[in-house]
Protein backbone atom coordinates (compact mmCIF):
# COMPACT_ATOMS: atom_id res chain seq x y z
CA MET A 1 -56.39 -160.83 54.56
CA LYS A 2 -55.78 -157.03 54.73
CA THR A 3 -52.23 -157.28 55.67
CA ARG A 4 -52.20 -159.97 52.87
CA SER A 5 -53.70 -157.56 50.12
CA LEU A 6 -51.75 -154.72 51.28
CA GLU A 7 -48.69 -156.63 50.64
CA LEU A 8 -49.98 -157.34 47.41
CA VAL A 9 -50.67 -154.08 46.16
CA LEU A 10 -47.42 -152.86 47.37
CA ARG A 11 -45.81 -155.52 45.45
CA THR A 12 -47.60 -154.99 42.16
CA THR A 13 -46.99 -151.37 42.85
CA SER A 14 -43.54 -151.84 42.77
CA ILE A 15 -43.40 -154.02 40.16
CA LEU A 16 -45.28 -151.54 37.96
CA PHE A 17 -42.79 -148.85 38.98
CA ILE A 18 -39.69 -150.84 37.55
CA LEU A 19 -41.38 -152.01 34.94
CA LEU A 20 -42.54 -148.52 34.14
CA ALA A 21 -38.58 -147.43 34.76
CA ILE A 22 -37.06 -150.16 32.51
CA VAL A 23 -39.70 -149.24 29.51
CA LEU A 24 -38.42 -145.33 30.06
CA THR A 25 -34.74 -146.51 30.73
CA VAL A 26 -35.26 -148.55 27.36
CA PHE A 27 -37.20 -145.86 25.62
CA SER A 28 -34.58 -143.41 26.24
CA LEU A 29 -31.80 -145.30 25.31
CA VAL A 30 -33.36 -145.83 22.05
CA GLN A 31 -33.46 -142.48 21.57
CA TYR A 32 -30.25 -141.32 22.82
CA SER A 33 -28.98 -144.27 20.44
CA ARG A 34 -30.80 -142.61 17.53
CA GLN A 35 -29.68 -139.12 18.74
CA ARG A 36 -26.10 -140.40 18.58
CA GLU A 37 -26.80 -140.98 14.66
CA ARG A 38 -27.24 -137.14 14.22
CA TYR A 39 -24.54 -134.26 15.63
CA PRO A 40 -25.05 -133.31 18.98
CA VAL A 41 -26.71 -130.06 20.13
CA GLY A 42 -24.49 -127.57 20.52
CA MET A 43 -22.38 -129.08 17.72
CA THR A 44 -21.10 -125.53 14.67
CA ILE A 45 -19.46 -126.88 12.18
CA ALA A 46 -17.49 -123.50 10.39
CA GLY A 47 -20.25 -121.49 12.55
CA VAL A 48 -23.51 -123.01 11.37
CA PRO A 49 -25.06 -125.11 13.83
CA VAL A 50 -25.60 -128.41 13.02
CA GLY A 51 -27.11 -130.10 16.02
CA GLY A 52 -29.67 -132.64 15.61
CA LEU A 53 -28.91 -132.95 12.23
CA THR A 54 -27.47 -136.09 10.56
CA PRO A 55 -24.48 -135.39 8.19
CA GLN A 56 -26.00 -135.38 4.98
CA GLU A 57 -28.28 -132.28 6.55
CA ALA A 58 -25.06 -130.65 8.17
CA VAL A 59 -23.99 -130.68 4.22
CA ASP A 60 -26.98 -129.05 2.91
CA ARG A 61 -27.12 -126.70 5.62
CA LEU A 62 -23.52 -125.73 5.00
CA LEU A 63 -23.97 -125.05 1.25
CA ARG A 64 -26.89 -123.01 1.52
CA VAL A 65 -25.18 -120.61 4.23
CA TYR A 66 -22.03 -120.54 1.97
CA ASN A 67 -23.49 -120.46 -0.96
CA THR A 68 -25.71 -117.33 -0.33
CA PRO A 69 -24.63 -114.28 -2.47
CA LEU A 70 -23.16 -111.41 -0.73
CA GLU A 71 -24.38 -108.13 -1.20
CA ILE A 72 -21.89 -105.52 -2.18
CA ARG A 73 -22.48 -102.04 -1.13
CA TYR A 74 -20.10 -99.72 -3.34
CA GLY A 75 -21.44 -95.88 -3.46
CA ASP A 76 -24.56 -95.80 -4.36
CA ALA A 77 -24.56 -98.92 -5.92
CA VAL A 78 -25.72 -102.39 -4.59
CA PHE A 79 -25.54 -105.12 -6.33
CA GLN A 80 -24.46 -109.18 -5.15
CA MET A 81 -21.37 -111.25 -5.70
CA SER A 82 -21.62 -115.12 -5.55
CA PRO A 83 -19.03 -116.92 -3.80
CA GLU A 84 -17.80 -118.46 -7.29
CA MET A 85 -16.90 -115.39 -8.28
CA ALA A 86 -13.63 -115.88 -6.25
CA GLY A 87 -13.22 -119.01 -6.73
CA PHE A 88 -14.89 -119.92 -2.88
CA GLN A 89 -14.72 -123.75 -2.22
CA MET A 90 -15.56 -124.94 0.78
CA ASP A 91 -13.37 -128.55 1.82
CA VAL A 92 -17.00 -130.26 2.96
CA GLU A 93 -15.89 -133.71 3.29
CA SER A 94 -12.87 -132.81 5.68
CA MET A 95 -14.96 -130.71 8.36
CA ILE A 96 -17.71 -133.79 7.88
CA ALA A 97 -15.19 -136.01 8.68
CA ALA A 98 -13.82 -133.74 12.01
CA ALA A 99 -17.62 -133.42 13.42
CA ASP A 100 -18.18 -137.29 13.19
CA GLN A 101 -14.76 -137.98 14.45
CA VAL A 102 -16.11 -135.94 17.48
CA ARG A 103 -19.07 -137.41 17.65
CA LYS A 104 -17.77 -141.36 17.36
CA GLU A 105 -15.58 -140.50 20.24
CA SER A 106 -17.32 -139.41 22.46
CA SER A 107 -18.40 -141.98 25.60
CA PHE A 108 -21.36 -143.62 24.97
CA TRP A 109 -22.47 -144.10 28.99
CA GLN A 110 -21.25 -140.50 29.79
CA GLY A 111 -23.07 -139.25 27.07
CA LEU A 112 -26.10 -141.45 27.84
CA TRP A 113 -25.98 -140.02 31.61
CA ASN A 114 -25.49 -136.63 30.15
CA TYR A 115 -28.57 -137.19 28.12
CA LEU A 116 -30.84 -138.89 30.98
CA TRP A 117 -30.00 -136.08 32.84
CA GLY A 118 -30.90 -133.20 30.50
CA GLN A 119 -26.79 -132.47 30.24
CA ASN A 120 -26.24 -133.05 26.18
CA ILE A 121 -25.48 -129.65 25.03
CA VAL A 122 -21.80 -130.32 23.80
CA ARG A 123 -20.16 -126.87 22.78
CA VAL A 124 -18.11 -127.94 19.64
CA ASP A 125 -16.99 -125.90 16.83
CA ILE A 126 -15.32 -127.36 13.44
CA PRO A 127 -13.42 -124.18 11.85
CA LEU A 128 -14.29 -124.08 8.47
CA ARG A 129 -12.14 -124.99 6.07
CA ALA A 130 -12.11 -123.42 2.29
CA THR A 131 -10.15 -121.81 -0.24
CA LEU A 132 -10.53 -118.89 -2.36
CA SER A 133 -8.97 -117.19 -5.43
CA LYS A 134 -7.51 -113.63 -4.76
CA GLU A 135 -6.30 -113.60 -8.36
CA ARG A 136 -10.34 -114.10 -9.23
CA LEU A 137 -11.11 -111.77 -6.84
CA ARG A 138 -8.89 -108.92 -8.23
CA GLU A 139 -9.85 -109.57 -11.13
CA TYR A 140 -13.93 -108.85 -10.53
CA LEU A 141 -13.41 -106.10 -8.69
CA VAL A 142 -10.99 -104.79 -11.12
CA ASN A 143 -12.67 -105.72 -14.51
CA GLU A 144 -16.77 -105.71 -12.57
CA ILE A 145 -16.68 -102.85 -9.81
CA SER A 146 -13.72 -100.60 -10.26
CA ALA A 147 -14.41 -100.26 -14.03
CA ARG A 148 -18.14 -99.73 -13.81
CA TYR A 149 -18.75 -97.84 -10.82
CA ASP A 150 -15.43 -95.85 -10.16
CA GLU A 151 -15.58 -92.01 -11.11
CA PRO A 152 -11.69 -91.04 -12.69
CA PRO A 153 -10.42 -88.04 -11.96
CA ALA A 154 -10.61 -85.52 -14.37
CA PRO A 155 -6.71 -83.96 -14.84
CA PRO A 156 -6.59 -80.10 -15.67
CA GLN A 157 -7.39 -78.92 -19.28
CA PRO A 158 -5.92 -75.85 -20.91
CA VAL A 159 -8.48 -72.95 -21.42
CA PRO A 160 -7.49 -72.09 -25.30
CA GLY A 161 -6.83 -68.40 -25.29
CA SER A 162 -5.69 -68.04 -21.59
CA THR A 163 -2.92 -68.60 -19.45
CA THR A 164 -4.51 -71.18 -17.05
CA PHE A 165 -5.74 -74.39 -17.02
CA THR A 166 -9.25 -76.17 -15.75
CA PRO A 167 -9.31 -76.83 -12.38
CA PRO A 168 -8.49 -80.52 -11.86
CA LYS A 169 -11.62 -82.67 -10.35
CA PRO A 170 -10.75 -85.55 -7.57
CA GLY A 171 -11.93 -89.41 -8.04
CA ARG A 172 -13.24 -92.12 -6.69
CA MET A 173 -11.66 -95.12 -6.71
CA LEU A 174 -11.69 -98.77 -5.46
CA ASP A 175 -10.29 -98.91 -2.52
CA VAL A 176 -8.97 -103.30 -4.29
CA GLU A 177 -6.79 -104.32 -1.26
CA ASN A 178 -9.10 -103.11 1.26
CA ALA A 179 -11.98 -104.46 -0.25
CA LEU A 180 -9.86 -108.06 -1.29
CA LEU A 181 -9.65 -108.10 2.79
CA LEU A 182 -13.85 -107.28 3.22
CA ILE A 183 -14.77 -109.90 0.77
CA GLU A 184 -13.27 -112.61 1.62
CA GLN A 185 -14.12 -111.98 5.29
CA ALA A 186 -17.73 -112.17 4.34
CA LEU A 187 -16.72 -115.08 2.68
CA ARG A 188 -15.75 -116.72 5.29
CA SER A 189 -18.90 -115.81 8.14
CA PRO A 190 -21.64 -117.59 7.72
CA THR A 191 -23.83 -114.40 9.06
CA GLN A 192 -21.94 -111.30 8.22
CA ARG A 193 -22.66 -111.51 4.27
CA ARG A 194 -23.04 -108.12 3.72
CA VAL A 195 -20.05 -106.03 2.17
CA GLU A 196 -19.51 -101.71 2.44
CA LEU A 197 -16.84 -101.10 -0.25
CA VAL A 198 -14.23 -98.31 0.66
CA ALA A 199 -13.46 -95.74 -2.01
CA ARG A 200 -10.57 -93.90 -1.88
CA ARG A 201 -10.31 -90.08 -3.24
CA ALA A 202 -8.25 -90.36 -6.49
CA LEU A 203 -6.56 -87.13 -6.93
CA PRO A 204 -5.79 -86.19 -10.41
CA GLY A 205 -2.39 -85.44 -11.91
CA ARG A 206 -1.23 -82.78 -13.89
CA ALA A 207 -2.45 -81.95 -17.31
CA ASP A 208 -0.60 -83.57 -20.39
CA PHE A 209 2.34 -82.10 -20.64
CA LYS A 210 1.97 -81.88 -24.15
CA PHE A 211 -0.83 -79.00 -23.12
CA LEU A 212 1.46 -76.80 -21.85
CA GLU A 213 3.87 -76.62 -25.13
CA ILE A 214 0.39 -75.91 -27.13
CA LEU A 215 -0.42 -73.33 -24.98
CA LEU A 216 2.87 -71.65 -24.25
CA GLN A 217 2.79 -71.52 -28.44
CA GLN A 218 -0.55 -70.20 -28.36
CA ASN A 219 0.15 -67.53 -26.05
CA VAL A 220 3.54 -66.52 -28.80
CA LEU A 221 0.84 -66.25 -31.49
CA GLN A 222 -2.03 -64.26 -29.78
CA MET A 223 0.60 -61.74 -29.46
CA ASN A 224 0.66 -61.90 -32.88
CA PHE A 225 4.91 -61.33 -32.53
CA ASP A 226 6.34 -60.96 -36.26
CA GLY A 227 9.84 -61.40 -35.41
CA VAL A 228 11.64 -64.56 -33.81
CA ILE A 229 11.24 -66.07 -30.83
CA GLY A 230 12.75 -69.19 -29.32
CA VAL A 231 11.54 -71.08 -25.98
CA TYR A 232 12.73 -73.70 -23.63
CA LEU A 233 11.24 -75.41 -20.70
CA GLN A 234 12.34 -78.05 -18.58
CA ASP A 235 10.53 -79.97 -16.03
CA LEU A 236 13.35 -80.55 -13.22
CA GLN A 237 11.35 -83.17 -11.53
CA SER A 238 11.03 -85.49 -14.69
CA GLY A 239 13.46 -83.84 -17.06
CA ASN A 240 10.66 -83.30 -19.58
CA GLU A 241 11.50 -80.65 -22.57
CA ILE A 242 9.36 -78.11 -24.21
CA HIS A 243 11.27 -76.86 -27.24
CA PHE A 244 10.19 -74.61 -29.82
CA ALA A 245 10.83 -71.43 -32.17
CA TYR A 246 8.78 -68.69 -34.09
CA ASP A 247 9.98 -66.94 -37.15
CA ARG A 248 7.30 -64.24 -38.25
CA MET A 249 4.66 -66.46 -36.30
CA GLN A 250 5.57 -69.26 -38.44
CA ALA A 251 7.21 -72.63 -36.42
CA ILE A 252 10.63 -73.15 -37.40
CA PRO A 253 12.49 -76.04 -36.59
CA VAL A 254 15.12 -76.36 -33.28
CA GLN A 255 17.46 -79.34 -34.58
CA PRO A 256 19.56 -80.29 -35.27
CA ALA A 257 20.70 -77.00 -34.15
CA ASP A 258 19.11 -74.02 -32.31
CA VAL A 259 18.17 -70.52 -32.95
CA VAL A 260 21.05 -68.16 -31.86
CA PHE A 261 20.25 -65.16 -30.45
CA THR A 262 22.51 -62.51 -28.65
CA ALA A 263 22.86 -63.33 -25.44
CA ALA A 264 23.25 -59.69 -23.83
CA SER A 265 23.58 -59.84 -20.16
CA THR A 266 21.86 -63.39 -19.85
CA ILE A 267 26.05 -64.06 -20.60
CA LYS A 268 26.92 -63.57 -17.42
CA ILE A 269 25.27 -66.62 -16.20
CA PRO A 270 28.18 -68.29 -17.96
CA ILE A 271 30.57 -65.92 -16.63
CA LEU A 272 29.52 -66.48 -13.29
CA VAL A 273 30.06 -70.00 -13.85
CA ALA A 274 33.61 -69.30 -15.07
CA PHE A 275 34.57 -67.72 -12.31
CA PHE A 276 33.72 -70.14 -9.81
CA ILE A 277 35.54 -72.71 -11.72
CA ALA A 278 38.72 -70.84 -12.38
CA ASN A 279 38.48 -69.50 -8.53
CA ARG A 280 38.62 -73.57 -7.60
CA LYS A 281 36.77 -73.31 -4.30
CA ALA A 282 38.50 -70.43 -2.81
CA PRO A 283 36.67 -68.12 -0.80
CA LEU A 284 35.28 -65.36 -1.69
CA SER A 285 36.18 -62.09 -0.49
CA PRO A 286 33.43 -59.50 0.35
CA ARG A 287 34.68 -57.06 -2.70
CA ILE A 288 34.50 -59.79 -4.77
CA GLU A 289 31.05 -60.81 -3.79
CA ALA A 290 29.80 -57.23 -4.65
CA ARG A 291 31.31 -57.00 -7.73
CA ILE A 292 29.34 -60.86 -8.71
CA LEU A 293 25.45 -58.82 -6.96
CA ASP A 294 26.56 -55.30 -9.14
CA MET A 295 26.80 -57.63 -12.57
CA ILE A 296 23.88 -59.85 -11.60
CA HIS A 297 21.67 -57.58 -9.37
CA LEU A 298 22.31 -54.34 -11.36
CA SER A 299 23.45 -55.79 -14.86
CA GLU A 300 26.57 -54.01 -15.04
CA ASN A 301 29.24 -54.75 -17.32
CA PRO A 302 32.39 -53.21 -15.43
CA PRO A 303 31.75 -55.64 -12.92
CA ALA A 304 31.46 -58.57 -15.40
CA ASP A 305 34.84 -57.46 -17.17
CA ASP A 306 36.36 -57.40 -13.98
CA LEU A 307 35.65 -60.75 -12.88
CA MET A 308 36.70 -62.04 -16.38
CA ASN A 309 39.74 -60.10 -15.93
CA ARG A 310 40.37 -62.09 -12.46
CA ILE A 311 40.04 -65.48 -14.72
CA ASP A 312 42.78 -64.62 -17.14
CA PRO A 313 43.73 -60.94 -17.89
CA LEU A 314 44.16 -61.47 -21.62
CA ARG A 315 41.36 -64.52 -22.69
CA GLY A 316 39.28 -64.37 -19.65
CA PRO A 317 36.03 -64.53 -22.75
CA LEU A 318 37.61 -66.92 -24.31
CA VAL A 319 38.14 -68.58 -20.96
CA VAL A 320 34.15 -68.89 -20.30
CA THR A 321 33.56 -70.11 -23.63
CA GLU A 322 36.40 -73.08 -22.82
CA SER A 323 34.54 -73.69 -19.85
CA MET A 324 31.29 -73.86 -22.11
CA ARG A 325 32.31 -76.09 -24.59
CA ARG A 326 33.44 -78.45 -22.01
CA ILE A 327 29.92 -79.06 -20.52
CA GLY A 328 28.56 -79.15 -24.13
CA LEU A 329 27.83 -75.94 -24.68
CA LYS A 330 28.69 -75.36 -28.23
CA ASN A 331 26.90 -72.25 -29.32
CA THR A 332 26.69 -70.39 -25.80
CA PHE A 333 30.35 -67.60 -26.33
CA ILE A 334 31.67 -64.30 -25.08
CA ALA A 335 34.29 -63.57 -27.38
CA GLY A 336 35.52 -59.95 -25.93
CA TYR A 337 35.09 -57.90 -23.12
CA PHE A 338 32.01 -55.77 -22.44
CA ALA A 339 34.03 -51.92 -22.23
CA PRO A 340 33.72 -50.00 -25.62
CA GLY A 341 36.11 -50.46 -28.09
CA SER A 342 37.27 -53.80 -26.75
CA PRO A 343 38.86 -55.74 -29.63
CA LEU A 344 37.19 -59.19 -30.88
CA LEU A 345 39.68 -61.85 -29.40
CA ALA A 346 38.20 -64.12 -31.62
CA ARG A 347 35.19 -64.93 -34.60
CA ILE A 348 33.50 -68.00 -33.17
CA THR A 349 31.23 -70.00 -35.35
CA THR A 350 28.77 -72.06 -34.01
CA PRO A 351 26.20 -74.77 -35.69
CA ALA A 352 23.48 -72.18 -34.61
CA ASN A 353 24.91 -69.52 -36.17
CA SER A 354 25.59 -71.49 -39.26
CA ARG A 355 21.88 -71.57 -40.02
CA THR A 356 20.55 -69.91 -43.28
CA ASP A 357 17.38 -70.02 -42.65
CA VAL A 358 16.86 -67.76 -39.85
CA TRP A 359 18.23 -64.24 -39.03
CA THR A 360 18.16 -62.83 -35.94
CA ASP A 361 21.35 -60.47 -36.47
CA PRO A 362 23.20 -61.91 -33.24
CA ASP A 363 26.37 -60.00 -31.39
CA PRO A 364 29.25 -61.39 -32.75
CA TYR A 365 30.71 -60.73 -29.18
CA ASN A 366 28.03 -62.89 -27.48
CA GLN A 367 26.03 -65.08 -28.35
CA THR A 368 24.01 -68.25 -27.10
CA THR A 369 20.22 -70.35 -28.12
CA PRO A 370 17.43 -70.84 -25.39
CA LEU A 371 18.23 -74.04 -24.96
CA GLU A 372 21.61 -73.59 -23.93
CA MET A 373 21.07 -71.14 -21.58
CA GLY A 374 18.13 -73.15 -20.16
CA LEU A 375 20.22 -76.49 -19.91
CA LEU A 376 23.41 -74.74 -18.15
CA LEU A 377 20.58 -73.33 -15.45
CA ALA A 378 19.05 -76.87 -15.21
CA ASP A 379 22.45 -78.13 -14.63
CA LEU A 380 22.92 -75.59 -11.86
CA TYR A 381 19.72 -76.96 -10.02
CA GLN A 382 20.62 -80.41 -10.49
CA CYS A 383 24.23 -79.91 -9.21
CA ALA A 384 23.07 -77.77 -6.02
CA THR A 385 19.70 -80.40 -5.15
CA HIS A 386 21.32 -83.41 -6.09
CA GLY A 387 25.25 -83.30 -6.05
CA SER A 388 24.69 -84.37 -9.99
CA GLY A 389 25.10 -83.30 -13.41
CA SER A 390 27.79 -82.19 -15.73
CA LEU A 391 29.08 -79.25 -14.18
CA ILE A 392 30.09 -80.96 -10.74
CA ALA A 393 31.00 -83.90 -13.26
CA VAL A 394 33.72 -81.86 -15.34
CA PHE A 395 34.78 -79.89 -12.98
CA PRO A 396 34.98 -81.60 -9.57
CA GLU A 397 38.00 -79.86 -8.37
CA SER A 398 36.24 -76.47 -8.48
CA ILE A 399 32.13 -77.00 -7.94
CA ASP A 400 30.41 -78.73 -5.57
CA LYS A 401 26.69 -78.46 -4.48
CA ASP A 402 27.23 -75.20 -1.96
CA ILE A 403 29.13 -73.36 -4.69
CA CYS A 404 25.98 -74.28 -7.13
CA GLN A 405 23.70 -73.42 -4.68
CA LYS A 406 25.89 -70.29 -4.05
CA MET A 407 25.27 -69.05 -7.79
CA ILE A 408 22.07 -69.97 -7.90
CA ASP A 409 21.62 -67.69 -4.58
CA PHE A 410 23.34 -65.08 -6.48
CA LEU A 411 21.11 -65.36 -9.36
CA ALA A 412 18.10 -64.96 -7.24
CA GLU A 413 19.46 -61.35 -6.70
CA ASP A 414 18.27 -60.30 -10.27
CA ARG A 415 15.07 -58.38 -9.18
CA ILE A 416 13.45 -56.25 -11.82
CA GLY A 417 9.69 -57.13 -11.69
CA LYS A 418 9.35 -57.53 -15.27
CA LEU A 419 9.87 -59.99 -18.07
CA LEU A 420 9.18 -63.66 -16.66
CA GLU A 421 9.20 -62.06 -13.07
CA ALA A 422 5.98 -60.12 -14.00
CA GLY A 423 4.07 -63.12 -14.57
CA LEU A 424 4.88 -64.94 -11.53
CA PRO A 425 2.68 -64.73 -7.86
CA GLU A 426 4.39 -62.40 -5.58
CA GLY A 427 7.07 -64.32 -3.46
CA THR A 428 7.89 -66.54 -5.90
CA ARG A 429 11.63 -67.62 -5.79
CA ILE A 430 13.43 -66.76 -9.81
CA ALA A 431 17.18 -67.14 -10.06
CA HIS A 432 17.29 -65.58 -13.46
CA LYS A 433 19.25 -63.22 -15.46
CA HIS A 434 17.27 -61.09 -17.57
CA GLY A 435 19.15 -59.05 -20.44
CA TRP A 436 17.99 -56.67 -23.52
CA VAL A 437 20.25 -54.75 -25.85
CA THR A 438 19.81 -51.00 -26.65
CA ASP A 439 21.26 -50.13 -30.20
CA VAL A 440 23.08 -47.21 -31.22
CA ASP A 441 20.06 -45.93 -32.81
CA GLY A 442 18.25 -46.03 -29.63
CA VAL A 443 16.37 -48.97 -30.52
CA ILE A 444 15.74 -52.35 -28.55
CA ARG A 445 15.31 -55.06 -30.84
CA ASN A 446 16.56 -58.05 -28.46
CA TYR A 447 14.81 -59.10 -25.25
CA SER A 448 15.83 -62.43 -23.21
CA ASP A 449 15.17 -63.63 -19.79
CA ALA A 450 16.44 -67.58 -18.63
CA GLY A 451 15.95 -68.57 -15.31
CA LEU A 452 15.29 -71.26 -12.36
CA ILE A 453 11.60 -70.92 -10.97
CA TYR A 454 10.43 -72.50 -7.63
CA THR A 455 7.03 -73.06 -7.25
CA PRO A 456 4.96 -75.16 -5.00
CA GLY A 457 3.67 -77.36 -7.47
CA GLY A 458 7.04 -78.24 -9.10
CA ASP A 459 10.15 -76.38 -10.24
CA PHE A 460 11.18 -75.40 -13.67
CA VAL A 461 13.33 -73.96 -16.34
CA LEU A 462 12.23 -71.36 -18.18
CA SER A 463 14.35 -69.49 -21.19
CA VAL A 464 12.98 -66.88 -23.92
CA TYR A 465 15.01 -64.94 -26.68
CA ALA A 466 13.35 -62.98 -29.15
CA TYR A 467 14.45 -60.29 -31.51
CA HIS A 468 12.52 -57.95 -33.75
CA PRO A 469 14.13 -56.51 -37.11
CA VAL A 470 12.80 -53.32 -36.56
CA GLN A 471 11.77 -52.79 -32.89
CA ILE A 472 10.18 -54.68 -29.61
CA LEU A 473 8.54 -52.06 -27.17
CA ASP A 474 9.20 -52.51 -23.88
CA ASP A 475 5.61 -53.17 -22.96
CA THR A 476 5.27 -55.66 -25.97
CA ALA A 477 8.15 -57.74 -24.33
CA ASN A 478 6.96 -57.53 -20.43
CA VAL A 479 3.95 -58.59 -21.63
CA LEU A 480 4.77 -61.65 -23.97
CA PHE A 481 7.05 -62.84 -21.44
CA ALA A 482 5.05 -62.75 -18.30
CA ARG A 483 2.18 -64.72 -20.38
CA LEU A 484 4.76 -67.46 -20.92
CA ALA A 485 6.17 -67.47 -17.28
CA SER A 486 2.26 -67.36 -15.89
CA THR A 487 1.14 -70.41 -18.74
CA ALA A 488 3.83 -72.26 -17.12
CA TYR A 489 3.53 -71.49 -13.17
CA ASN A 490 0.01 -72.42 -14.17
CA TYR A 491 0.38 -75.52 -15.41
CA TYR A 492 2.25 -76.78 -12.06
CA ASN A 493 -0.06 -74.99 -9.60
CA VAL A 494 -3.92 -75.71 -10.61
CA PRO A 495 -6.09 -75.02 -7.65
CA LEU A 496 -8.12 -78.47 -6.62
CA GLN A 497 -11.56 -78.65 -7.43
CA PRO A 498 -13.38 -79.23 -4.33
């Protein structure tokens, strides 16, 4: 009886265990079947965990994550940006379809087995599929952020009554290209929704070129110079020009003809150029170089006569004039040698000396205008620097870059420490020729200086001529010319404000 009872108990227990196993299996099967309607644990869509979610729940979570506004920081400003501002749109349908395909293609029985043994984590990520409009984002950055939060640089401004300009102030400008990249990365990230925008230091440009002209004119008027003065400046980088004249402190026109002045020793610049044209690239002897230096550095007249005599013993000055005509300088001429008693070889009429509205008592032997002497120097600069300009175009058999540079080097030997030089910082390179005329009564009525001025902030030509019917004191001329040179130099070399 005991044996039968034991067997019955064992049989009953076994049946119960089998029934329990069946129940558990069925329960697990039902549970797993329900889970297969959801995404497997470990699956992510666009970096967002969707394990255990239905497709609709996954869609809701994706939209909630990726529609969250970005936190934008730019300097001290903090604001939010909706993804819609960049036209950001997710292709939710294709991402859900890809996730469903992974879910449905997995083996039912293998999945059940993994589920039963606790190995049902599936490491699958469906990558983000989304588009945005870089044009809209760029427009937002420029119009909403840059326009509102940038700090534009402040260019220098002229200081009235001085030769200086206020220091420019750097600004802060949004680095739009970098911002495009950072915001796009944030829009495509489910977690990194904060963006720190980068500002680039914006350096100011120069003051408006018009301000330089105004300040130059103010310096002329402040000196109360009641004679005739002509000023020409050319920016050798841009070609921009300043050209004006005053007669008894009243502005006078410089077009269609400029104001004529006695060229004095500045005519030695055309003599130098004409000599090299006539020399046709032949090597210079030490004696000739010495004569050129005496003409430029010492401003002696006999060397100038000697060079013109070598050009043409009879017509040297007129050949110099003809060379200037060929490069378009109609008002610049020398009509006789410097030696006392030299005859006037020709009486030359020009548009400038034909004006009747202004009088500078120009010497019939040599004349020029601020504009033409400035243009001749600018032509030398372009020839030496770029191998271009009228000189090299009209006289290719005589002129090249090296020859133009050699002429500039000769002009750089004119060192007097007065006039334009006096307004420049020590060590500034200036290739120029100065001039003044002491009349027979011992009075100076004409001062002139024209030169190429090389500075760290830019190179320029400055040509200044002044005449007074009574007298120009040396101190007056030095201060006037120096202030003009200093004003121009300061325009190109304003120290940057920290």
